[in-house]
């Protein structure tokens, strides 16, 4: 019977492809997560800016201005 060599120090072609794929998937996942988490923060900051500008002008901020 033939023997399977263990840990030859080289990556199999499939293993190299899987490493690239997992690296790309990790990047896509992290980028998506950052966009999803940043959107509410930007919306909150924008709302506060509109409220502060309208407060300086003596007006109440209307929801349509946001």
Foldseek 3Di string as FASTA:
>chain_A
DDDDDPPPVDDDPVRVVVVVVVVVVVVVVVVVVVVVVVVVVVVVVVVVVQQVVCVVVVHGDDPVVD
